[in-house]
């Protein structure tokens, strides 16, 4: 009887030792595999650089201006509930300009003829009495490479080869690209300016003269196409409104 008990005890002891033994090579491989999968997952969670197409896809169409993202070739037309846009000239720019801590990336330049929907005409009457008109626009990305908040406007002034000079207040997109940009943050969107436009601040009694002026301007449009624009950025200011970088002039040709 004692012999059987001894054998039984020995069997239990061996079984316990076997359970506490290290896993075999196959089990080690599975453990390493699980650890490798976790590392891969962490890498996939890291932010990836945005391409131009990513920015265009993320862009939310402007509530006042017809969406022009599909206009890539001269003569292309796109219409939506805000009006009809026709592309007159296009330049794929993709140039980065450094203004102090700011990286200003101009993605594209377009010259567009816009015929706003009737419901949108009042919005543009502040800038022109024309019921259809031309405008130039740039799609930009603005990066603050510093950790500090700064104030900056990508376009303070814009000039064209036809002799017009327009300031930032004439921007038709109003996408809040001007002003404060937080440290290590990015903004992107459109800025656009009506060219060869009527003066909305003329005396209302000069309607006949305005009409004649409109015709002359349209004739001049045909004779003097928009060949280039010159952008003057604002200076860059810190949070205390102290200037930390000078403005820059950027000339872009179609």
C-alpha atoms as a PDB file:
ATOM      1  CA  UNK A   1       0.000   0.000   0.000  1.00  0.00           C
ATOM      2  CA  UNK A   2       2.822   2.352   0.937  1.00  0.00           C
ATOM      3  CA  UNK A   3       4.465   1.420  -2.346  1.00  0.00           C
ATOM      4  CA  UNK A   4       1.398   2.507  -4.360  1.00  0.00           C
ATOM      5  CA  UNK A   5       1.202   5.784  -2.443  1.00  0.00           C
ATOM      6  CA  UNK A   6       4.848   6.494  -3.166  1.00  0.00           C
ATOM      7  CA  UNK A   7       4.354   5.843  -6.873  1.00  0.00           C
ATOM      8  CA  UNK A   8       1.257   8.089  -6.919  1.00  0.00           C
ATOM      9  CA  UNK A   9       3.081  10.925  -5.163  1.00  0.00           C
ATOM     10  CA  UNK A  10       5.998  10.636  -7.610  1.00  0.00           C
ATOM     11  CA  UNK A  11       3.584  10.812 -10.577  1.00  0.00           C
ATOM     12  CA  UNK A  12       1.954  13.989  -9.245  1.00  0.00           C
ATOM     13  CA  UNK A  13       5.359  15.555  -8.614  1.00  0.00           C
ATOM     14  CA  UNK A  14       6.502  14.877 -12.198  1.00  0.00           C
ATOM     15  CA  UNK A  15       3.256  16.288 -13.600  1.00  0.00           C
ATOM     16  CA  UNK A  16       3.737  19.474 -11.575  1.00  0.00           C
ATOM     17  CA  UNK A  17       7.285  19.908 -12.818  1.00  0.00           C
ATOM     18  CA  UNK A  18       6.116  19.442 -16.408  1.00  0.00           C
ATOM     19  CA  UNK A  19       3.437  22.159 -16.020  1.00  0.00           C
ATOM     20  CA  UNK A  20       5.986  24.633 -14.634  1.00  0.00           C
ATOM     21  CA  UNK A  21       8.515  24.061 -17.422  1.00  0.00           C
ATOM     22  CA  UNK A  22       9.352  26.803 -19.967  1.00  0.00           C
ATOM     23  CA  UNK A  23       7.336  26.780 -23.228  1.00  0.00           C
ATOM     24  CA  UNK A  24       8.853  25.084 -26.238  1.00  0.00           C
ATOM     25  CA  UNK A  25      10.302  26.923 -29.237  1.00  0.00           C
ATOM     26  CA  UNK A  26       6.926  27.037 -30.932  1.00  0.00           C
ATOM     27  CA  UNK A  27       5.374  28.925 -28.008  1.00  0.00           C
ATOM     28  CA  UNK A  28       8.269  31.395 -27.973  1.00  0.00           C
ATOM     29  CA  UNK A  29       7.677  32.130 -31.656  1.00  0.00           C
ATOM     30  CA  UNK A  30       3.997  32.882 -31.026  1.00  0.00           C
ATOM     31  CA  UNK A  31       4.913  35.301 -28.236  1.00  0.00           C
ATOM     32  CA  UNK A  32       7.427  37.117 -30.434  1.00  0.00           C
ATOM     33  CA  UNK A  33       4.809  37.319 -33.195  1.00  0.00           C
ATOM     34  CA  UNK A  34       2.282  38.959 -30.864  1.00  0.00           C
ATOM     35  CA  UNK A  35       4.863  41.525 -29.753  1.00  0.00           C
ATOM     36  CA  UNK A  36       5.749  42.263 -33.399  1.00  0.00           C
ATOM     37  CA  UNK A  37       2.076  42.829 -34.252  1.00  0.00           C
ATOM     38  CA  UNK A  38       1.766  45.372 -31.427  1.00  0.00           C
ATOM     39  CA  UNK A  39       4.776  47.314 -32.711  1.00  0.00           C
ATOM     40  CA  UNK A  40       3.335  47.332 -36.232  1.00  0.00           C
ATOM     41  CA  UNK A  41       0.005  48.596 -34.907  1.00  0.00           C
ATOM     42  CA  UNK A  42       1.761  51.461 -33.100  1.00  0.00           C
ATOM     43  CA  UNK A  43       3.536  52.439 -36.314  1.00  0.00           C
ATOM     44  CA  UNK A  44       0.259  52.519 -38.197  1.00  0.00           C
ATOM     45  CA  UNK A  45      -1.106  54.939 -35.608  1.00  0.00           C
ATOM     46  CA  UNK A  46       1.621  57.488 -36.359  1.00  0.00           C
ATOM     47  CA  UNK A  47       0.500  60.458 -38.483  1.00  0.00           C
ATOM     48  CA  UNK A  48       1.458  60.259 -42.146  1.00  0.00           C
ATOM     49  CA  UNK A  49       2.353  63.259 -44.339  1.00  0.00           C
ATOM     50  CA  UNK A  50      -0.606  64.784 -46.185  1.00  0.00           C
ATOM     51  CA  UNK A  51      -0.538  64.884 -49.955  1.00  0.00           C
ATOM     52  CA  UNK A  52      -2.100  67.671 -51.992  1.00  0.00           C
ATOM     53  CA  UNK A  53      -4.989  65.358 -52.821  1.00  0.00           C
ATOM     54  CA  UNK A  54      -5.555  64.750 -49.088  1.00  0.00           C
ATOM     55  CA  UNK A  55      -5.922  68.500 -48.564  1.00  0.00           C
ATOM     56  CA  UNK A  56      -8.296  68.930 -51.502  1.00  0.00           C
ATOM     57  CA  UNK A  57     -10.389  65.982 -50.275  1.00  0.00           C
ATOM     58  CA  UNK A  58     -10.558  67.400 -46.737  1.00  0.00           C
ATOM     59  CA  UNK A  59     -11.453  70.892 -47.959  1.00  0.00           C
ATOM     60  CA  UNK A  60     -15.029  71.844 -47.144  1.00  0.00           C
ATOM     61  CA  UNK A  61     -16.610  73.722 -50.102  1.00  0.00           C
ATOM     62  CA  UNK A  62     -17.108  77.416 -49.471  1.00  0.00           C
ATOM     63  CA  UNK A  63     -20.712  78.389 -48.622  1.00  0.00           C
ATOM     64  CA  UNK A  64     -20.682  81.373 -51.030  1.00  0.00           C
ATOM     65  CA  UNK A  65     -18.376  80.437 -53.912  1.00  0.00           C
ATOM     66  CA  UNK A  66     -18.870  77.614 -56.418  1.00  0.00           C
ATOM     67  CA  UNK A  67     -16.622  74.617 -55.755  1.00  0.00           C
ATOM     68  CA  UNK A  68     -13.818  74.676 -58.357  1.00  0.00           C
ATOM     69  CA  UNK A  69     -11.822  71.585 -57.350  1.00  0.00           C
ATOM     70  CA  UNK A  70     -12.845  69.675 -60.483  1.00  0.00           C
ATOM     71  CA  UNK A  71     -11.647  72.489 -62.786  1.00  0.00           C
ATOM     72  CA  UNK A  72      -8.222  71.400 -64.017  1.00  0.00           C
ATOM     73  CA  UNK A  73      -8.165  72.253 -67.730  1.00  0.00           C
ATOM     74  CA  UNK A  74      -8.837  75.586 -69.417  1.00  0.00           C
ATOM     75  CA  UNK A  75     -12.476  75.626 -70.527  1.00  0.00           C
ATOM     76  CA  UNK A  76     -13.689  73.234 -67.819  1.00  0.00           C
ATOM     77  CA  UNK A  77     -17.082  74.224 -66.390  1.00  0.00           C
ATOM     78  CA  UNK A  78     -18.679  73.272 -63.094  1.00  0.00           C
ATOM     79  CA  UNK A  79     -22.087  74.347 -61.784  1.00  0.00           C
ATOM     80  CA  UNK A  80     -23.677  73.914 -58.379  1.00  0.00           C
ATOM     81  CA  UNK A  81     -26.351  75.660 -56.328  1.00  0.00           C
ATOM     82  CA  UNK A  82     -24.076  78.675 -55.889  1.00  0.00           C
ATOM     83  CA  UNK A  83     -23.419  79.358 -59.561  1.00  0.00           C
ATOM     84  CA  UNK A  84     -21.393  78.334 -62.613  1.00  0.00           C
ATOM     85  CA  UNK A  85     -17.599  78.539 -62.793  1.00  0.00           C
ATOM     86  CA  UNK A  86     -15.453  78.375 -65.937  1.00  0.00           C
ATOM     87  CA  UNK A  87     -11.690  77.910 -65.759  1.00  0.00           C
ATOM     88  CA  UNK A  88      -9.779  80.497 -67.821  1.00  0.00           C
ATOM     89  CA  UNK A  89      -6.211  79.711 -66.676  1.00  0.00           C
ATOM     90  CA  UNK A  90      -4.532  77.255 -64.308  1.00  0.00           C
ATOM     91  CA  UNK A  91      -1.105  76.884 -62.700  1.00  0.00           C
ATOM     92  CA  UNK A  92      -0.031  73.926 -60.584  1.00  0.00           C
ATOM     93  CA  UNK A  93       2.338  75.840 -58.290  1.00  0.00           C
ATOM     94  CA  UNK A  94       3.303  73.657 -55.304  1.00  0.00           C
ATOM     95  CA  UNK A  95       5.942  76.049 -53.999  1.00  0.00           C
ATOM     96  CA  UNK A  96       6.902  76.671 -50.377  1.00  0.00           C
ATOM     97  CA  UNK A  97       7.810  80.165 -49.213  1.00  0.00           C
ATOM     98  CA  UNK A  98       9.303  80.834 -45.777  1.00  0.00           C
ATOM     99  CA  UNK A  99       8.228  83.919 -43.826  1.00  0.00           C
ATOM    100  CA  UNK A 100       9.937  83.648 -40.449  1.00  0.00           C
ATOM    101  CA  UNK A 101       8.364  80.692 -38.615  1.00  0.00           C
ATOM    102  CA  UNK A 102       5.653  80.421 -41.270  1.00  0.00           C
ATOM    103  CA  UNK A 103       5.794  78.012 -44.184  1.00  0.00           C
ATOM    104  CA  UNK A 104       3.385  79.242 -46.859  1.00  0.00           C
ATOM    105  CA  UNK A 105       2.736  76.565 -49.464  1.00  0.00           C
ATOM    106  CA  UNK A 106       0.938  77.825 -52.569  1.00  0.00           C
ATOM    107  CA  UNK A 107      -0.699  74.745 -54.073  1.00  0.00           C
ATOM    108  CA  UNK A 108      -2.393  76.194 -57.161  1.00  0.00           C
ATOM    109  CA  UNK A 109      -3.403  79.393 -58.915  1.00  0.00           C
ATOM    110  CA  UNK A 110      -6.601  79.728 -60.944  1.00  0.00           C
ATOM    111  CA  UNK A 111      -8.284  82.414 -63.031  1.00  0.00           C
ATOM    112  CA  UNK A 112     -12.014  81.740 -63.048  1.00  0.00           C
ATOM    113  CA  UNK A 113     -15.085  83.317 -64.606  1.00  0.00           C
ATOM    114  CA  UNK A 114     -18.014  83.067 -62.214  1.00  0.00           C
ATOM    115  CA  UNK A 115     -21.704  83.480 -62.894  1.00  0.00           C
ATOM    116  CA  UNK A 116     -23.226  83.416 -59.394  1.00  0.00           C
ATOM    117  CA  UNK A 117     -26.671  82.017 -58.811  1.00  0.00           C
ATOM    118  CA  UNK A 118     -29.287  84.742 -58.388  1.00  0.00           C
ATOM    119  CA  UNK A 119     -29.488  83.925 -54.681  1.00  0.00           C
ATOM    120  CA  UNK A 120     -25.787  84.747 -54.262  1.00  0.00           C
ATOM    121  CA  UNK A 121     -25.608  88.059 -56.173  1.00  0.00           C
ATOM    122  CA  UNK A 122     -26.160  90.204 -53.075  1.00  0.00           C
ATOM    123  CA  UNK A 123     -23.132  88.619 -51.426  1.00  0.00           C
ATOM    124  CA  UNK A 124     -20.856  89.872 -54.217  1.00  0.00           C
ATOM    125  CA  UNK A 125     -22.525  93.281 -54.640  1.00  0.00           C
ATOM    126  CA  UNK A 126     -20.290  94.646 -51.885  1.00  0.00           C
ATOM    127  CA  UNK A 127     -17.390  94.244 -54.309  1.00  0.00           C
ATOM    128  CA  UNK A 128     -18.973  94.543 -57.754  1.00  0.00           C
ATOM    129  CA  UNK A 129     -22.262  95.373 -59.457  1.00  0.00           C
ATOM    130  CA  UNK A 130     -21.495  92.905 -62.257  1.00  0.00           C
ATOM    131  CA  UNK A 131     -23.783  89.893 -62.318  1.00  0.00           C
ATOM    132  CA  UNK A 132     -20.888  87.757 -63.560  1.00  0.00           C
ATOM    133  CA  UNK A 133     -17.188  88.425 -63.228  1.00  0.00           C
ATOM    134  CA  UNK A 134     -13.633  87.053 -63.171  1.00  0.00           C
ATOM    135  CA  UNK A 135     -11.577  86.324 -60.095  1.00  0.00           C
ATOM    136  CA  UNK A 136      -8.163  84.897 -59.308  1.00  0.00           C
ATOM    137  CA  UNK A 137      -7.690  82.495 -56.437  1.00  0.00           C
ATOM    138  CA  UNK A 138      -4.961  80.545 -54.712  1.00  0.00           C
ATOM    139  CA  UNK A 139      -5.229  77.397 -52.640  1.00  0.00           C
ATOM    140  CA  UNK A 140      -2.713  77.598 -49.801  1.00  0.00           C
ATOM    141  CA  UNK A 141      -1.467  75.682 -46.796  1.00  0.00           C
ATOM    142  CA  UNK A 142      -0.013  77.673 -43.900  1.00  0.00           C
ATOM    143  CA  UNK A 143       2.211  75.977 -41.310  1.00  0.00           C
ATOM    144  CA  UNK A 144       3.437  77.523 -38.072  1.00  0.00           C
ATOM    145  CA  UNK A 145       6.737  75.728 -37.465  1.00  0.00           C
ATOM    146  CA  UNK A 146       7.237  77.327 -34.035  1.00  0.00           C
ATOM    147  CA  UNK A 147       5.686  76.376 -30.712  1.00  0.00           C
ATOM    148  CA  UNK A 148       4.393  79.917 -30.169  1.00  0.00           C
ATOM    149  CA  UNK A 149       1.165  81.422 -31.472  1.00  0.00           C
ATOM    150  CA  UNK A 150       1.692  83.988 -34.226  1.00  0.00           C
ATOM    151  CA  UNK A 151      -0.404  86.340 -36.347  1.00  0.00           C
ATOM    152  CA  UNK A 152      -0.088  86.220 -40.127  1.00  0.00           C
ATOM    153  CA  UNK A 153      -2.019  86.876 -43.341  1.00  0.00           C
ATOM    154  CA  UNK A 154      -0.961  84.919 -46.450  1.00  0.00           C
ATOM    155  CA  UNK A 155      -2.201  87.746 -48.713  1.00  0.00           C
ATOM    156  CA  UNK A 156      -2.125  91.302 -47.428  1.00  0.00           C
ATOM    157  CA  UNK A 157      -2.008  92.745 -50.973  1.00  0.00           C
ATOM    158  CA  UNK A 158      -2.373  91.245 -54.416  1.00  0.00           C
ATOM    159  CA  UNK A 159      -1.418  92.848 -57.736  1.00  0.00           C
ATOM    160  CA  UNK A 160      -2.103  91.708 -61.301  1.00  0.00           C
ATOM    161  CA  UNK A 161      -0.419  92.479 -64.604  1.00  0.00           C
ATOM    162  CA  UNK A 162      -3.549  94.452 -65.580  1.00  0.00           C
ATOM    163  CA  UNK A 163      -2.662  97.102 -62.996  1.00  0.00           C
ATOM    164  CA  UNK A 164      -5.062  96.244 -60.170  1.00  0.00           C
ATOM    165  CA  UNK A 165      -4.019  96.217 -56.517  1.00  0.00           C
ATOM    166  CA  UNK A 166      -6.403  94.649 -54.002  1.00  0.00           C
ATOM    167  CA  UNK A 167      -6.031  94.247 -50.254  1.00  0.00           C
ATOM    168  CA  UNK A 168      -6.962  91.395 -47.928  1.00  0.00           C
ATOM    169  CA  UNK A 169     -10.396  92.895 -47.243  1.00  0.00           C
ATOM    170  CA  UNK A 170     -11.443  92.089 -50.831  1.00  0.00           C
ATOM    171  CA  UNK A 171     -11.095  88.332 -50.317  1.00  0.00           C
ATOM    172  CA  UNK A 172     -14.327  86.623 -51.403  1.00  0.00           C
ATOM    173  CA  UNK A 173     -13.752  83.309 -49.607  1.00  0.00           C
ATOM    174  CA  UNK A 174     -13.445  84.535 -45.990  1.00  0.00           C
ATOM    175  CA  UNK A 175     -12.118  81.187 -44.762  1.00  0.00           C
ATOM    176  CA  UNK A 176     -10.342  82.613 -41.697  1.00  0.00           C
ATOM    177  CA  UNK A 177      -6.842  82.048 -43.058  1.00  0.00           C
ATOM    178  CA  UNK A 178      -5.762  85.445 -41.731  1.00  0.00           C
ATOM    179  CA  UNK A 179      -4.982  86.135 -38.098  1.00  0.00           C
ATOM    180  CA  UNK A 180      -3.801  83.899 -35.280  1.00  0.00           C
ATOM    181  CA  UNK A 181      -2.148  80.582 -36.046  1.00  0.00           C
ATOM    182  CA  UNK A 182      -1.394  78.385 -33.037  1.00  0.00           C
ATOM    183  CA  UNK A 183       2.018  76.872 -32.445  1.00  0.00           C
ATOM    184  CA  UNK A 184       2.784  73.824 -34.615  1.00  0.00           C
ATOM    185  CA  UNK A 185      -0.615  74.125 -36.311  1.00  0.00           C
ATOM    186  CA  UNK A 186      -1.667  74.231 -39.951  1.00  0.00           C
ATOM    187  CA  UNK A 187      -4.468  75.933 -41.892  1.00  0.00           C
ATOM    188  CA  UNK A 188      -5.442  75.441 -45.516  1.00  0.00           C
ATOM    189  CA  UNK A 189      -8.015  76.810 -47.933  1.00  0.00           C
ATOM    190  CA  UNK A 190      -8.732  79.395 -50.626  1.00  0.00           C
ATOM    191  CA  UNK A 191      -8.246  83.123 -51.029  1.00  0.00           C
ATOM    192  CA  UNK A 192      -9.853  84.798 -54.046  1.00  0.00           C
ATOM    193  CA  UNK A 193     -10.099  88.319 -55.456  1.00  0.00           C
ATOM    194  CA  UNK A 194     -12.436  89.733 -58.098  1.00  0.00           C
ATOM    195  CA  UNK A 195     -10.515  91.323 -60.967  1.00  0.00           C
ATOM    196  CA  UNK A 196     -11.663  93.939 -63.497  1.00  0.00           C
ATOM    197  CA  UNK A 197     -14.637  94.630 -61.253  1.00  0.00           C
ATOM    198  CA  UNK A 198     -17.014  97.566 -61.009  1.00  0.00           C
ATOM    199  CA  UNK A 199     -16.600  99.958 -58.089  1.00  0.00           C
ATOM    200  CA  UNK A 200     -19.496  99.193 -55.752  1.00  0.00           C
ATOM    201  CA  UNK A 201     -18.981 102.477 -53.884  1.00  0.00           C
ATOM    202  CA  UNK A 202     -19.819 104.759 -56.801  1.00  0.00           C
ATOM    203  CA  UNK A 203     -22.808 107.070 -56.542  1.00  0.00           C
ATOM    204  CA  UNK A 204     -26.006 105.243 -57.442  1.00  0.00           C
ATOM    205  CA  UNK A 205     -26.868 108.068 -59.864  1.00  0.00           C
ATOM    206  CA  UNK A 206     -23.968 107.007 -62.074  1.00  0.00           C
ATOM    207  CA  UNK A 207     -25.636 103.799 -63.212  1.00  0.00           C
ATOM    208  CA  UNK A 208     -25.350 104.660 -66.910  1.00  0.00           C
ATOM    209  CA  UNK A 209     -21.691 105.504 -66.519  1.00  0.00           C
ATOM    210  CA  UNK A 210     -21.150 102.256 -64.636  1.00  0.00           C
ATOM    211  CA  UNK A 211     -22.753 100.267 -67.439  1.00  0.00           C
ATOM    212  CA  UNK A 212     -20.434 101.861 -69.961  1.00  0.00           C
ATOM    213  CA  UNK A 213     -17.507 101.201 -67.642  1.00  0.00           C
ATOM    214  CA  UNK A 214     -18.544  97.529 -67.375  1.00  0.00           C
ATOM    215  CA  UNK A 215     -18.463  97.147 -71.160  1.00  0.00           C
ATOM    216  CA  UNK A 216     -15.057  98.788 -71.389  1.00  0.00           C
ATOM    217  CA  UNK A 217     -13.703  96.559 -68.652  1.00  0.00           C
ATOM    218  CA  UNK A 218     -14.956  93.407 -70.363  1.00  0.00           C
ATOM    219  CA  UNK A 219     -13.299  94.535 -73.584  1.00  0.00           C
ATOM    220  CA  UNK A 220     -10.091  95.141 -71.692  1.00  0.00           C
ATOM    221  CA  UNK A 221     -10.365  91.660 -70.183  1.00  0.00           C
ATOM    222  CA  UNK A 222     -10.103  90.177 -73.657  1.00  0.00           C
ATOM    223  CA  UNK A 223      -7.158  92.415 -74.558  1.00  0.00           C
ATOM    224  CA  UNK A 224      -5.333  91.991 -71.243  1.00  0.00           C
ATOM    225  CA  UNK A 225      -5.628  88.491 -69.837  1.00  0.00           C
ATOM    226  CA  UNK A 226      -4.373  87.776 -66.349  1.00  0.00           C
ATOM    227  CA  UNK A 227      -0.795  86.619 -66.922  1.00  0.00           C
ATOM    228  CA  UNK A 228       0.597  86.877 -63.406  1.00  0.00           C
ATOM    229  CA  UNK A 229      -0.185  87.919 -59.860  1.00  0.00           C
ATOM    230  CA  UNK A 230       2.105  89.302 -57.176  1.00  0.00           C
ATOM    231  CA  UNK A 231       1.265  88.463 -53.588  1.00  0.00           C
ATOM    232  CA  UNK A 232       2.537  90.472 -50.636  1.00  0.00           C
ATOM    233  CA  UNK A 233       2.156  88.608 -47.366  1.00  0.00           C
ATOM    234  CA  UNK A 234       1.739  90.367 -44.057  1.00  0.00           C
ATOM    235  CA  UNK A 235       4.549  90.641 -41.540  1.00  0.00           C
ATOM    236  CA  UNK A 236       4.573  87.958 -38.857  1.00  0.00           C
ATOM    237  CA  UNK A 237       3.709  89.103 -35.318  1.00  0.00           C
ATOM    238  CA  UNK A 238       4.014  87.327 -31.994  1.00  0.00           C
ATOM    239  CA  UNK A 239       1.336  87.197 -29.291  1.00  0.00           C
ATOM    240  CA  UNK A 240       2.330  90.639 -28.027  1.00  0.00           C
ATOM    241  CA  UNK A 241       1.898  92.052 -31.557  1.00  0.00           C
ATOM    242  CA  UNK A 242       5.655  92.489 -31.907  1.00  0.00           C
ATOM    243  CA  UNK A 243       6.911  92.040 -35.455  1.00  0.00           C
ATOM    244  CA  UNK A 244       9.186  89.031 -35.675  1.00  0.00           C
ATOM    245  CA  UNK A 245       9.473  88.615 -39.470  1.00  0.00           C
ATOM    246  CA  UNK A 246       9.189  90.881 -42.494  1.00  0.00           C
ATOM    247  CA  UNK A 247       6.582  90.386 -45.213  1.00  0.00           C
ATOM    248  CA  UNK A 248       7.506  88.701 -48.471  1.00  0.00           C
ATOM    249  CA  UNK A 249       6.530  89.322 -52.112  1.00  0.00           C
ATOM    250  CA  UNK A 250       5.689  86.327 -54.262  1.00  0.00           C
ATOM    251  CA  UNK A 251       5.141  86.558 -58.008  1.00  0.00           C
ATOM    252  CA  UNK A 252       3.349  83.684 -59.750  1.00  0.00           C
ATOM    253  CA  UNK A 253       2.899  83.422 -63.507  1.00  0.00           C
ATOM    254  CA  UNK A 254       0.288  81.329 -65.299  1.00  0.00           C
END
